[in-house]
Amino acid sequence: HERNSSLYVRNRAAELGFTFDKIRSQDRHRKVVAARQLL
């Protein structure tokens, strides 16, 4: 279950045009924040 959620976030972030590290980062740009909240 835990591996699948992490894998899901990686794949879905790539679909949205971001890397997994960018989603996890402290970046507060509007597009990154919106994608992070959706995920």
PDB file of all heavy atoms in Angstrom:
ATOM      1  N   HIS A   1       0.828  -1.203   0.000  1.00  0.00           N
ATOM      2  CA  HIS A   1       0.000   0.000   0.000  1.00  0.00           C
ATOM      3  C   HIS A   1       0.869   1.262   0.000  1.00  0.00           C
ATOM      4  O   HIS A   1       0.644   2.189  -0.773  1.00  0.00           O
ATOM      5  CB  HIS A   1      -0.904  -0.041   1.233  1.00  0.00           C
ATOM      6  CG  HIS A   1      -1.833   1.121   1.360  1.00  0.00           C
ATOM      7  ND1 HIS A   1      -2.911   1.291   0.532  1.00  0.00           N
ATOM      8  CD2 HIS A   1      -1.851   2.161   2.222  1.00  0.00           C
ATOM      9  CE1 HIS A   1      -3.556   2.384   0.885  1.00  0.00           C
ATOM     10  NE2 HIS A   1      -2.922   2.927   1.910  1.00  0.00           N
ATOM     11  N   GLU A   2       1.870   1.295   0.868  1.00  0.00           N
ATOM     12  CA  GLU A   2       2.719   2.476   0.962  1.00  0.00           C
ATOM     13  C   GLU A   2       3.559   2.647  -0.296  1.00  0.00           C
ATOM     14  O   GLU A   2       3.766   3.756  -0.762  1.00  0.00           O
ATOM     15  CB  GLU A   2       3.594   2.397   2.210  1.00  0.00           C
ATOM     16  CG  GLU A   2       2.803   2.616   3.476  1.00  0.00           C
ATOM     17  CD  GLU A   2       3.653   2.539   4.713  1.00  0.00           C
ATOM     18  OE1 GLU A   2       4.871   2.338   4.598  1.00  0.00           O
ATOM     19  OE2 GLU A   2       3.086   2.687   5.805  1.00  0.00           O
ATOM     20  N   ARG A   3       4.075   1.562  -0.829  1.00  0.00           N
ATOM     21  CA  ARG A   3       4.872   1.672  -2.050  1.00  0.00           C
ATOM     22  C   ARG A   3       3.999   2.155  -3.203  1.00  0.00           C
ATOM     23  O   ARG A   3       4.427   2.933  -4.031  1.00  0.00           O
ATOM     24  CB  ARG A   3       5.516   0.332  -2.383  1.00  0.00           C
ATOM     25  CG  ARG A   3       6.755   0.039  -1.556  1.00  0.00           C
ATOM     26  CD  ARG A   3       7.540  -1.094  -2.151  1.00  0.00           C
ATOM     27  NE  ARG A   3       6.779  -2.342  -2.179  1.00  0.00           N
ATOM     28  CZ  ARG A   3       6.753  -3.223  -1.185  1.00  0.00           C
ATOM     29  NH1 ARG A   3       7.429  -2.991  -0.094  1.00  0.00           N
ATOM     30  NH2 ARG A   3       6.060  -4.326  -1.296  1.00  0.00           N
ATOM     31  N   ASN A   4       2.747   1.683  -3.262  1.00  0.00           N
ATOM     32  CA  ASN A   4       1.870   2.065  -4.354  1.00  0.00           C
ATOM     33  C   ASN A   4       1.528   3.549  -4.313  1.00  0.00           C
ATOM     34  O   ASN A   4       1.455   4.190  -5.358  1.00  0.00           O
ATOM     35  CB  ASN A   4       0.582   1.241  -4.341  1.00  0.00           C
ATOM     36  CG  ASN A   4       0.825  -0.151  -4.900  1.00  0.00           C
ATOM     37  OD1 ASN A   4       1.852  -0.399  -5.516  1.00  0.00           O
ATOM     38  ND2 ASN A   4      -0.116  -1.040  -4.686  1.00  0.00           N
ATOM     39  N   SER A   5       1.311   4.106  -3.102  1.00  0.00           N
ATOM     40  CA  SER A   5       0.970   5.523  -3.036  1.00  0.00           C
ATOM     41  C   SER A   5       2.149   6.380  -3.481  1.00  0.00           C
ATOM     42  O   SER A   5       1.969   7.370  -4.191  1.00  0.00           O
ATOM     43  CB  SER A   5       0.512   5.911  -1.632  1.00  0.00           C
ATOM     44  OG  SER A   5       1.533   5.676  -0.701  1.00  0.00           O
ATOM     45  N   SER A   6       3.337   5.991  -3.097  1.00  0.00           N
ATOM     46  CA  SER A   6       4.520   6.733  -3.520  1.00  0.00           C
ATOM     47  C   SER A   6       4.709   6.620  -5.025  1.00  0.00           C
ATOM     48  O   SER A   6       5.000   7.610  -5.709  1.00  0.00           O
ATOM     49  CB  SER A   6       5.749   6.198  -2.788  1.00  0.00           C
ATOM     50  OG  SER A   6       6.908   6.834  -3.245  1.00  0.00           O
ATOM     51  N   LEU A   7       4.523   5.429  -5.565  1.00  0.00           N
ATOM     52  CA  LEU A   7       4.646   5.211  -7.002  1.00  0.00           C
ATOM     53  C   LEU A   7       3.562   5.986  -7.750  1.00  0.00           C
ATOM     54  O   LEU A   7       3.821   6.574  -8.804  1.00  0.00           O
ATOM     55  CB  LEU A   7       4.543   3.705  -7.303  1.00  0.00           C
ATOM     56  CG  LEU A   7       4.808   3.269  -8.724  1.00  0.00           C
ATOM     57  CD1 LEU A   7       6.228   3.639  -9.129  1.00  0.00           C
ATOM     58  CD2 LEU A   7       4.601   1.773  -8.863  1.00  0.00           C
ATOM     59  N   TYR A   8       2.357   6.018  -7.190  1.00  0.00           N
ATOM     60  CA  TYR A   8       1.249   6.758  -7.801  1.00  0.00           C
ATOM     61  C   TYR A   8       1.600   8.245  -7.893  1.00  0.00           C
ATOM     62  O   TYR A   8       1.389   8.886  -8.927  1.00  0.00           O
ATOM     63  CB  TYR A   8      -0.039   6.570  -6.992  1.00  0.00           C
ATOM     64  CG  TYR A   8      -1.177   7.408  -7.506  1.00  0.00           C
ATOM     65  CD1 TYR A   8      -1.917   6.996  -8.611  1.00  0.00           C
ATOM     66  CD2 TYR A   8      -1.502   8.611  -6.904  1.00  0.00           C
ATOM     67  CE1 TYR A   8      -2.961   7.780  -9.094  1.00  0.00           C
ATOM     68  CE2 TYR A   8      -2.535   9.397  -7.382  1.00  0.00           C
ATOM     69  CZ  TYR A   8      -3.266   8.971  -8.472  1.00  0.00           C
ATOM     70  OH  TYR A   8      -4.282   9.749  -8.965  1.00  0.00           O
ATOM     71  N   VAL A   9       2.148   8.800  -6.812  1.00  0.00           N
ATOM     72  CA  VAL A   9       2.488  10.227  -6.803  1.00  0.00           C
ATOM     73  C   VAL A   9       3.575  10.506  -7.837  1.00  0.00           C
ATOM     74  O   VAL A   9       3.512  11.510  -8.563  1.00  0.00           O
ATOM     75  CB  VAL A   9       2.916  10.687  -5.388  1.00  0.00           C
ATOM     76  CG1 VAL A   9       3.474  12.097  -5.418  1.00  0.00           C
ATOM     77  CG2 VAL A   9       1.746  10.603  -4.437  1.00  0.00           C
ATOM     78  N   ARG A  10       4.552   9.609  -7.951  1.00  0.00           N
ATOM     79  CA  ARG A  10       5.620   9.800  -8.944  1.00  0.00           C
ATOM     80  C   ARG A  10       5.042   9.846 -10.356  1.00  0.00           C
ATOM     81  O   ARG A  10       5.368  10.738 -11.144  1.00  0.00           O
ATOM     82  CB  ARG A  10       6.645   8.675  -8.846  1.00  0.00           C
ATOM     83  CG  ARG A  10       7.588   8.797  -7.700  1.00  0.00           C
ATOM     84  CD  ARG A  10       8.584   7.637  -7.693  1.00  0.00           C
ATOM     85  NE  ARG A  10       9.370   7.672  -6.498  1.00  0.00           N
ATOM     86  CZ  ARG A  10      10.460   8.426  -6.345  1.00  0.00           C
ATOM     87  NH1 ARG A  10      10.870   9.198  -7.325  1.00  0.00           N
ATOM     88  NH2 ARG A  10      11.125   8.412  -5.219  1.00  0.00           N
ATOM     89  N   ASN A  11       4.194   8.863 -10.692  1.00  0.00           N
ATOM     90  CA  ASN A  11       3.629   8.784 -12.038  1.00  0.00           C
ATOM     91  C   ASN A  11       2.694   9.957 -12.319  1.00  0.00           C
ATOM     92  O   ASN A  11       2.714  10.543 -13.401  1.00  0.00           O
ATOM     93  CB  ASN A  11       2.894   7.457 -12.237  1.00  0.00           C
ATOM     94  CG  ASN A  11       3.844   6.283 -12.226  1.00  0.00           C
ATOM     95  OD1 ASN A  11       5.032   6.429 -12.525  1.00  0.00           O
ATOM     96  ND2 ASN A  11       3.344   5.107 -11.870  1.00  0.00           N
ATOM     97  N   ARG A  12       1.872  10.301 -11.357  1.00  0.00           N
ATOM     98  CA  ARG A  12       0.893  11.369 -11.545  1.00  0.00           C
ATOM     99  C   ARG A  12       1.592  12.726 -11.661  1.00  0.00           C
ATOM    100  O   ARG A  12       1.158  13.592 -12.439  1.00  0.00           O
ATOM    101  CB  ARG A  12      -0.074  11.356 -10.359  1.00  0.00           C
ATOM    102  CG  ARG A  12      -1.249  12.227 -10.516  1.00  0.00           C
ATOM    103  CD  ARG A  12      -2.286  11.617 -11.458  1.00  0.00           C
ATOM    104  NE  ARG A  12      -3.468  12.437 -11.418  1.00  0.00           N
ATOM    105  CZ  ARG A  12      -3.733  13.396 -12.307  1.00  0.00           C
ATOM    106  NH1 ARG A  12      -2.943  13.598 -13.329  1.00  0.00           N
ATOM    107  NH2 ARG A  12      -4.809  14.132 -12.169  1.00  0.00           N
ATOM    108  N   ALA A  13       2.683  12.925 -10.890  1.00  0.00           N
ATOM    109  CA  ALA A  13       3.451  14.173 -10.988  1.00  0.00           C
ATOM    110  C   ALA A  13       4.042  14.304 -12.385  1.00  0.00           C
ATOM    111  O   ALA A  13       4.062  15.405 -12.965  1.00  0.00           O
ATOM    112  CB  ALA A  13       4.543  14.205  -9.930  1.00  0.00           C
ATOM    113  N   ALA A  14       4.527  13.198 -12.942  1.00  0.00           N
ATOM    114  CA  ALA A  14       5.074  13.230 -14.304  1.00  0.00           C
ATOM    115  C   ALA A  14       3.972  13.589 -15.311  1.00  0.00           C
ATOM    116  O   ALA A  14       4.225  14.335 -16.269  1.00  0.00           O
ATOM    117  CB  ALA A  14       5.701  11.888 -14.638  1.00  0.00           C
ATOM    118  N   GLU A  15       2.750  13.074 -15.091  1.00  0.00           N
ATOM    119  CA  GLU A  15       1.630  13.408 -15.977  1.00  0.00           C
ATOM    120  C   GLU A  15       1.310  14.898 -15.926  1.00  0.00           C
ATOM    121  O   GLU A  15       0.917  15.491 -16.938  1.00  0.00           O
ATOM    122  CB  GLU A  15       0.371  12.626 -15.584  1.00  0.00           C
ATOM    123  CG  GLU A  15       0.430  11.157 -15.908  1.00  0.00           C
ATOM    124  CD  GLU A  15      -0.784  10.410 -15.371  1.00  0.00           C
ATOM    125  OE1 GLU A  15      -1.778  11.066 -14.983  1.00  0.00           O
ATOM    126  OE2 GLU A  15      -0.731   9.182 -15.323  1.00  0.00           O
ATOM    127  N   LEU A  16       1.455  15.493 -14.743  1.00  0.00           N
ATOM    128  CA  LEU A  16       1.156  16.918 -14.581  1.00  0.00           C
ATOM    129  C   LEU A  16       2.321  17.804 -15.024  1.00  0.00           C
ATOM    130  O   LEU A  16       2.197  19.034 -15.011  1.00  0.00           O
ATOM    131  CB  LEU A  16       0.797  17.220 -13.121  1.00  0.00           C
ATOM    132  CG  LEU A  16      -0.477  16.547 -12.600  1.00  0.00           C
ATOM    133  CD1 LEU A  16      -0.608  16.761 -11.101  1.00  0.00           C
ATOM    134  CD2 LEU A  16      -1.701  17.082 -13.326  1.00  0.00           C
ATOM    135  N   GLY A  17       3.456  17.210 -15.385  1.00  0.00           N
ATOM    136  CA  GLY A  17       4.602  17.979 -15.867  1.00  0.00           C
ATOM    137  C   GLY A  17       5.592  18.380 -14.787  1.00  0.00           C
ATOM    138  O   GLY A  17       6.356  19.334 -14.978  1.00  0.00           O
ATOM    139  N   PHE A  18       5.611  17.676 -13.676  1.00  0.00           N
ATOM    140  CA  PHE A  18       6.543  17.975 -12.592  1.00  0.00           C
ATOM    141  C   PHE A  18       7.310  16.711 -12.214  1.00  0.00           C
ATOM    142  O   PHE A  18       6.860  15.595 -12.451  1.00  0.00           O
ATOM    143  CB  PHE A  18       5.799  18.480 -11.347  1.00  0.00           C
ATOM    144  CG  PHE A  18       5.046  19.746 -11.572  1.00  0.00           C
ATOM    145  CD1 PHE A  18       3.683  19.730 -11.791  1.00  0.00           C
ATOM    146  CD2 PHE A  18       5.705  20.961 -11.575  1.00  0.00           C
ATOM    147  CE1 PHE A  18       2.984  20.899 -12.000  1.00  0.00           C
ATOM    148  CE2 PHE A  18       5.008  22.137 -11.782  1.00  0.00           C
ATOM    149  CZ  PHE A  18       3.638  22.107 -12.002  1.00  0.00           C
ATOM    150  N   THR A  19       8.466  16.885 -11.592  1.00  0.00           N
ATOM    151  CA  THR A  19       9.193  15.733 -11.053  1.00  0.00           C
ATOM    152  C   THR A  19       8.697  15.489  -9.630  1.00  0.00           C
ATOM    153  O   THR A  19       8.122  16.382  -8.988  1.00  0.00           O
ATOM    154  CB  THR A  19      10.709  16.002 -11.025  1.00  0.00           C
ATOM    155  OG1 THR A  19      10.972  17.095 -10.148  1.00  0.00           O
ATOM    156  CG2 THR A  19      11.247  16.293 -12.421  1.00  0.00           C
ATOM    157  N   PHE A  20       8.963  14.298  -9.144  1.00  0.00           N
ATOM    158  CA  PHE A  20       8.569  13.959  -7.777  1.00  0.00           C
ATOM    159  C   PHE A  20       9.311  14.859  -6.793  1.00  0.00           C
ATOM    160  O   PHE A  20       8.743  15.308  -5.799  1.00  0.00           O
ATOM    161  CB  PHE A  20       8.873  12.474  -7.516  1.00  0.00           C
ATOM    162  CG  PHE A  20       8.471  12.003  -6.149  1.00  0.00           C
ATOM    163  CD1 PHE A  20       7.147  12.013  -5.751  1.00  0.00           C
ATOM    164  CD2 PHE A  20       9.420  11.527  -5.252  1.00  0.00           C
ATOM    165  CE1 PHE A  20       6.766  11.566  -4.487  1.00  0.00           C
ATOM    166  CE2 PHE A  20       9.048  11.081  -4.002  1.00  0.00           C
ATOM    167  CZ  PHE A  20       7.723  11.099  -3.616  1.00  0.00           C
ATOM    168  N   ASP A  21      10.573  15.140  -7.059  1.00  0.00           N
ATOM    169  CA  ASP A  21      11.355  16.011  -6.170  1.00  0.00           C
ATOM    170  C   ASP A  21      10.804  17.435  -6.154  1.00  0.00           C
ATOM    171  O   ASP A  21      10.827  18.097  -5.114  1.00  0.00           O
ATOM    172  CB  ASP A  21      12.823  16.027  -6.604  1.00  0.00           C
ATOM    173  CG  ASP A  21      13.508  14.695  -6.370  1.00  0.00           C
ATOM    174  OD1 ASP A  21      13.039  13.947  -5.479  1.00  0.00           O
ATOM    175  OD2 ASP A  21      14.497  14.386  -7.065  1.00  0.00           O
ATOM    176  N   LYS A  22      10.303  17.908  -7.294  1.00  0.00           N
ATOM    177  CA  LYS A  22       9.727  19.250  -7.354  1.00  0.00           C
ATOM    178  C   LYS A  22       8.438  19.312  -6.519  1.00  0.00           C
ATOM    179  O   LYS A  22       8.196  20.294  -5.804  1.00  0.00           O
ATOM    180  CB  LYS A  22       9.415  19.609  -8.815  1.00  0.00           C
ATOM    181  CG  LYS A  22       9.002  21.024  -9.020  1.00  0.00           C
ATOM    182  CD  LYS A  22      10.193  21.940  -8.861  1.00  0.00           C
ATOM    183  CE  LYS A  22       9.841  23.332  -9.379  1.00  0.00           C
ATOM    184  NZ  LYS A  22      10.916  24.266  -9.119  1.00  0.00           N
ATOM    185  N   ILE A  23       7.631  18.254  -6.569  1.00  0.00           N
ATOM    186  CA  ILE A  23       6.396  18.199  -5.772  1.00  0.00           C
ATOM    187  C   ILE A  23       6.722  18.165  -4.280  1.00  0.00           C
ATOM    188  O   ILE A  23       6.030  18.791  -3.469  1.00  0.00           O
ATOM    189  CB  ILE A  23       5.546  16.964  -6.174  1.00  0.00           C
ATOM    190  CG1 ILE A  23       5.026  17.110  -7.604  1.00  0.00           C
ATOM    191  CG2 ILE A  23       4.409  16.724  -5.212  1.00  0.00           C
ATOM    192  CD1 ILE A  23       4.008  18.210  -7.800  1.00  0.00           C
ATOM    193  N   ARG A  24       7.781  17.464  -3.908  1.00  0.00           N
ATOM    194  CA  ARG A  24       8.160  17.346  -2.495  1.00  0.00           C
ATOM    195  C   ARG A  24       8.926  18.557  -1.982  1.00  0.00           C
ATOM    196  O   ARG A  24       9.092  18.723  -0.780  1.00  0.00           O
ATOM    197  CB  ARG A  24       9.029  16.109  -2.282  1.00  0.00           C
ATOM    198  CG  ARG A  24       8.284  14.820  -2.525  1.00  0.00           C
ATOM    199  CD  ARG A  24       9.113  13.654  -2.108  1.00  0.00           C
ATOM    200  NE  ARG A  24       9.157  13.681  -0.650  1.00  0.00           N
ATOM    201  CZ  ARG A  24      10.076  13.095   0.078  1.00  0.00           C
ATOM    202  NH1 ARG A  24      11.041  12.431  -0.493  1.00  0.00           N
ATOM    203  NH2 ARG A  24      10.051  13.148   1.384  1.00  0.00           N
ATOM    204  N   SER A  25       9.430  19.397  -2.889  1.00  0.00           N
ATOM    205  CA  SER A  25      10.295  20.510  -2.491  1.00  0.00           C
ATOM    206  C   SER A  25       9.494  21.585  -1.745  1.00  0.00           C
ATOM    207  O   SER A  25       8.276  21.521  -1.627  1.00  0.00           O
ATOM    208  CB  SER A  25      10.964  21.117  -3.724  1.00  0.00           C
ATOM    209  OG  SER A  25       9.990  21.808  -4.499  1.00  0.00           O
ATOM    210  N   GLN A  26      10.217  22.606  -1.307  1.00  0.00           N
ATOM    211  CA  GLN A  26       9.598  23.732  -0.592  1.00  0.00           C
ATOM    212  C   GLN A  26       9.130  24.820  -1.557  1.00  0.00           C
ATOM    213  O   GLN A  26       8.783  25.916  -1.131  1.00  0.00           O
ATOM    214  CB  GLN A  26      10.606  24.328   0.406  1.00  0.00           C
ATOM    215  CG  GLN A  26      11.022  23.365   1.505  1.00  0.00           C
ATOM    216  CD  GLN A  26       9.861  22.961   2.391  1.00  0.00           C
ATOM    217  OE1 GLN A  26       9.051  23.791   2.775  1.00  0.00           O
ATOM    218  NE2 GLN A  26       9.771  21.690   2.700  1.00  0.00           N
ATOM    219  N   ASP A  27       9.132  24.528  -2.847  1.00  0.00           N
ATOM    220  CA  ASP A  27       8.735  25.477  -3.879  1.00  0.00           C
ATOM    221  C   ASP A  27       7.287  25.927  -3.664  1.00  0.00           C
ATOM    222  O   ASP A  27       6.407  25.097  -3.455  1.00  0.00           O
ATOM    223  CB  ASP A  27       8.882  24.820  -5.257  1.00  0.00           C
ATOM    224  CG  ASP A  27       8.785  25.830  -6.391  1.00  0.00           C
ATOM    225  OD1 ASP A  27       8.417  26.984  -6.107  1.00  0.00           O
ATOM    226  OD2 ASP A  27       9.082  25.458  -7.539  1.00  0.00           O
ATOM    227  N   ARG A  28       7.031  27.239  -3.713  1.00  0.00           N
ATOM    228  CA  ARG A  28       5.693  27.757  -3.451  1.00  0.00           C
ATOM    229  C   ARG A  28       5.102  28.493  -4.656  1.00  0.00           C
ATOM    230  O   ARG A  28       4.217  29.313  -4.502  1.00  0.00           O
ATOM    231  CB  ARG A  28       5.736  28.669  -2.218  1.00  0.00           C
ATOM    232  CG  ARG A  28       6.119  27.886  -0.971  1.00  0.00           C
ATOM    233  CD  ARG A  28       6.334  28.763   0.214  1.00  0.00           C
ATOM    234  NE  ARG A  28       5.053  29.186   0.747  1.00  0.00           N
ATOM    235  CZ  ARG A  28       4.926  29.986   1.794  1.00  0.00           C
ATOM    236  NH1 ARG A  28       5.991  30.445   2.383  1.00  0.00           N
ATOM    237  NH2 ARG A  28       3.744  30.334   2.233  1.00  0.00           N
ATOM    238  N   HIS A  29       5.606  28.171  -5.862  1.00  0.00           N
ATOM    239  CA  HIS A  29       5.007  28.743  -7.054  1.00  0.00           C
ATOM    240  C   HIS A  29       3.586  28.203  -7.203  1.00  0.00           C
ATOM    241  O   HIS A  29       3.298  27.065  -6.837  1.00  0.00           O
ATOM    242  CB  HIS A  29       5.840  28.405  -8.298  1.00  0.00           C
ATOM    243  CG  HIS A  29       7.118  29.188  -8.365  1.00  0.00           C
ATOM    244  ND1 HIS A  29       8.297  28.716  -7.840  1.00  0.00           N
ATOM    245  CD2 HIS A  29       7.383  30.416  -8.885  1.00  0.00           C
ATOM    246  CE1 HIS A  29       9.246  29.600  -8.031  1.00  0.00           C
ATOM    247  NE2 HIS A  29       8.721  30.659  -8.672  1.00  0.00           N
ATOM    248  N   ARG A  30       2.719  29.004  -7.765  1.00  0.00           N
ATOM    249  CA  ARG A  30       1.305  28.683  -7.820  1.00  0.00           C
ATOM    250  C   ARG A  30       1.028  27.352  -8.516  1.00  0.00           C
ATOM    251  O   ARG A  30       0.235  26.546  -8.035  1.00  0.00           O
ATOM    252  CB  ARG A  30       0.548  29.796  -8.527  1.00  0.00           C
ATOM    253  CG  ARG A  30      -0.944  29.591  -8.543  1.00  0.00           C
ATOM    254  CD  ARG A  30      -1.628  30.790  -9.074  1.00  0.00           C
ATOM    255  NE  ARG A  30      -1.386  31.891  -8.152  1.00  0.00           N
ATOM    256  CZ  ARG A  30      -2.113  32.994  -8.097  1.00  0.00           C
ATOM    257  NH1 ARG A  30      -3.104  33.157  -8.929  1.00  0.00           N
ATOM    258  NH2 ARG A  30      -1.849  33.941  -7.243  1.00  0.00           N
ATOM    259  N   LYS A  31       1.697  27.086  -9.631  1.00  0.00           N
ATOM    260  CA  LYS A  31       1.447  25.848 -10.378  1.00  0.00           C
ATOM    261  C   LYS A  31       1.888  24.616  -9.590  1.00  0.00           C
ATOM    262  O   LYS A  31       1.211  23.594  -9.581  1.00  0.00           O
ATOM    263  CB  LYS A  31       2.161  25.890 -11.728  1.00  0.00           C
ATOM    264  CG  LYS A  31       1.561  26.884 -12.683  1.00  0.00           C
ATOM    265  CD  LYS A  31       2.279  26.863 -14.008  1.00  0.00           C
ATOM    266  CE  LYS A  31       1.650  27.877 -14.958  1.00  0.00           C
ATOM    267  NZ  LYS A  31       2.309  27.911 -16.260  1.00  0.00           N
ATOM    268  N   VAL A  32       3.032  24.733  -8.914  1.00  0.00           N
ATOM    269  CA  VAL A  32       3.544  23.602  -8.116  1.00  0.00           C
ATOM    270  C   VAL A  32       2.627  23.347  -6.921  1.00  0.00           C
ATOM    271  O   VAL A  32       2.290  22.201  -6.617  1.00  0.00           O
ATOM    272  CB  VAL A  32       4.997  23.868  -7.652  1.00  0.00           C
ATOM    273  CG1 VAL A  32       5.507  22.745  -6.782  1.00  0.00           C
ATOM    274  CG2 VAL A  32       5.904  24.084  -8.848  1.00  0.00           C
ATOM    275  N   VAL A  33       2.192  24.408  -6.271  1.00  0.00           N
ATOM    276  CA  VAL A  33       1.318  24.273  -5.101  1.00  0.00           C
ATOM    277  C   VAL A  33      -0.017  23.650  -5.501  1.00  0.00           C
ATOM    278  O   VAL A  33      -0.537  22.754  -4.812  1.00  0.00           O
ATOM    279  CB  VAL A  33       1.109  25.637  -4.408  1.00  0.00           C
ATOM    280  CG1 VAL A  33       0.031  25.547  -3.349  1.00  0.00           C
ATOM    281  CG2 VAL A  33       2.400  26.121  -3.794  1.00  0.00           C
ATOM    282  N   ALA A  34      -0.559  24.080  -6.630  1.00  0.00           N
ATOM    283  CA  ALA A  34      -1.836  23.535  -7.090  1.00  0.00           C
ATOM    284  C   ALA A  34      -1.710  22.042  -7.399  1.00  0.00           C
ATOM    285  O   ALA A  34      -2.580  21.247  -7.021  1.00  0.00           O
ATOM    286  CB  ALA A  34      -2.320  24.297  -8.319  1.00  0.00           C
ATOM    287  N   ALA A  35      -0.621  21.651  -8.061  1.00  0.00           N
ATOM    288  CA  ALA A  35      -0.405  20.234  -8.371  1.00  0.00           C
ATOM    289  C   ALA A  35      -0.206  19.422  -7.086  1.00  0.00           C
ATOM    290  O   ALA A  35      -0.735  18.316  -6.952  1.00  0.00           O
ATOM    291  CB  ALA A  35       0.809  20.083  -9.293  1.00  0.00           C
ATOM    292  N   ARG A  36       0.546  19.980  -6.154  1.00  0.00           N
ATOM    293  CA  ARG A  36       0.801  19.293  -4.877  1.00  0.00           C
ATOM    294  C   ARG A  36      -0.512  19.079  -4.118  1.00  0.00           C
ATOM    295  O   ARG A  36      -0.779  17.994  -3.592  1.00  0.00           O
ATOM    296  CB  ARG A  36       1.771  20.115  -4.036  1.00  0.00           C
ATOM    297  CG  ARG A  36       2.199  19.442  -2.762  1.00  0.00           C
ATOM    298  CD  ARG A  36       3.114  20.320  -1.938  1.00  0.00           C
ATOM    299  NE  ARG A  36       4.314  20.695  -2.649  1.00  0.00           N
ATOM    300  CZ  ARG A  36       4.772  21.942  -2.762  1.00  0.00           C
ATOM    301  NH1 ARG A  36       4.112  22.946  -2.206  1.00  0.00           N
ATOM    302  NH2 ARG A  36       5.870  22.202  -3.415  1.00  0.00           N
ATOM    303  N   GLN A  37      -1.359  20.096  -4.077  1.00  0.00           N
ATOM    304  CA  GLN A  37      -2.640  19.980  -3.372  1.00  0.00           C
ATOM    305  C   GLN A  37      -3.546  18.949  -4.040  1.00  0.00           C
ATOM    306  O   GLN A  37      -4.207  18.163  -3.360  1.00  0.00           O
ATOM    307  CB  GLN A  37      -3.326  21.339  -3.310  1.00  0.00           C
ATOM    308  CG  GLN A  37      -2.657  22.297  -2.353  1.00  0.00           C
ATOM    309  CD  GLN A  37      -3.263  23.675  -2.374  1.00  0.00           C
ATOM    310  OE1 GLN A  37      -3.981  24.040  -3.308  1.00  0.00           O
ATOM    311  NE2 GLN A  37      -2.965  24.462  -1.342  1.00  0.00           N
ATOM    312  N   LEU A  38      -3.545  18.932  -5.363  1.00  0.00           N
ATOM    313  CA  LEU A  38      -4.349  17.951  -6.088  1.00  0.00           C
ATOM    314  C   LEU A  38      -3.873  16.527  -5.793  1.00  0.00           C
ATOM    315  O   LEU A  38      -4.683  15.631  -5.537  1.00  0.00           O
ATOM    316  CB  LEU A  38      -4.288  18.224  -7.597  1.00  0.00           C
ATOM    317  CG  LEU A  38      -5.080  17.258  -8.479  1.00  0.00           C
ATOM    318  CD1 LEU A  38      -6.572  17.373  -8.162  1.00  0.00           C
ATOM    319  CD2 LEU A  38      -4.797  17.526  -9.938  1.00  0.00           C
ATOM    320  N   LEU A  39      -2.557  16.337  -5.770  1.00  0.00           N
ATOM    321  CA  LEU A  39      -2.011  15.010  -5.477  1.00  0.00           C
ATOM    322  C   LEU A  39      -2.301  14.593  -4.031  1.00  0.00           C
ATOM    323  O   LEU A  39      -2.568  13.427  -3.766  1.00  0.00           O
ATOM    324  CB  LEU A  39      -0.513  14.973  -5.768  1.00  0.00           C
ATOM    325  CG  LEU A  39      -0.150  15.034  -7.257  1.00  0.00           C
ATOM    326  CD1 LEU A  39       1.351  15.176  -7.428  1.00  0.00           C
ATOM    327  CD2 LEU A  39      -0.654  13.800  -7.972  1.00  0.00           C
TER     328      LEU A  39
END
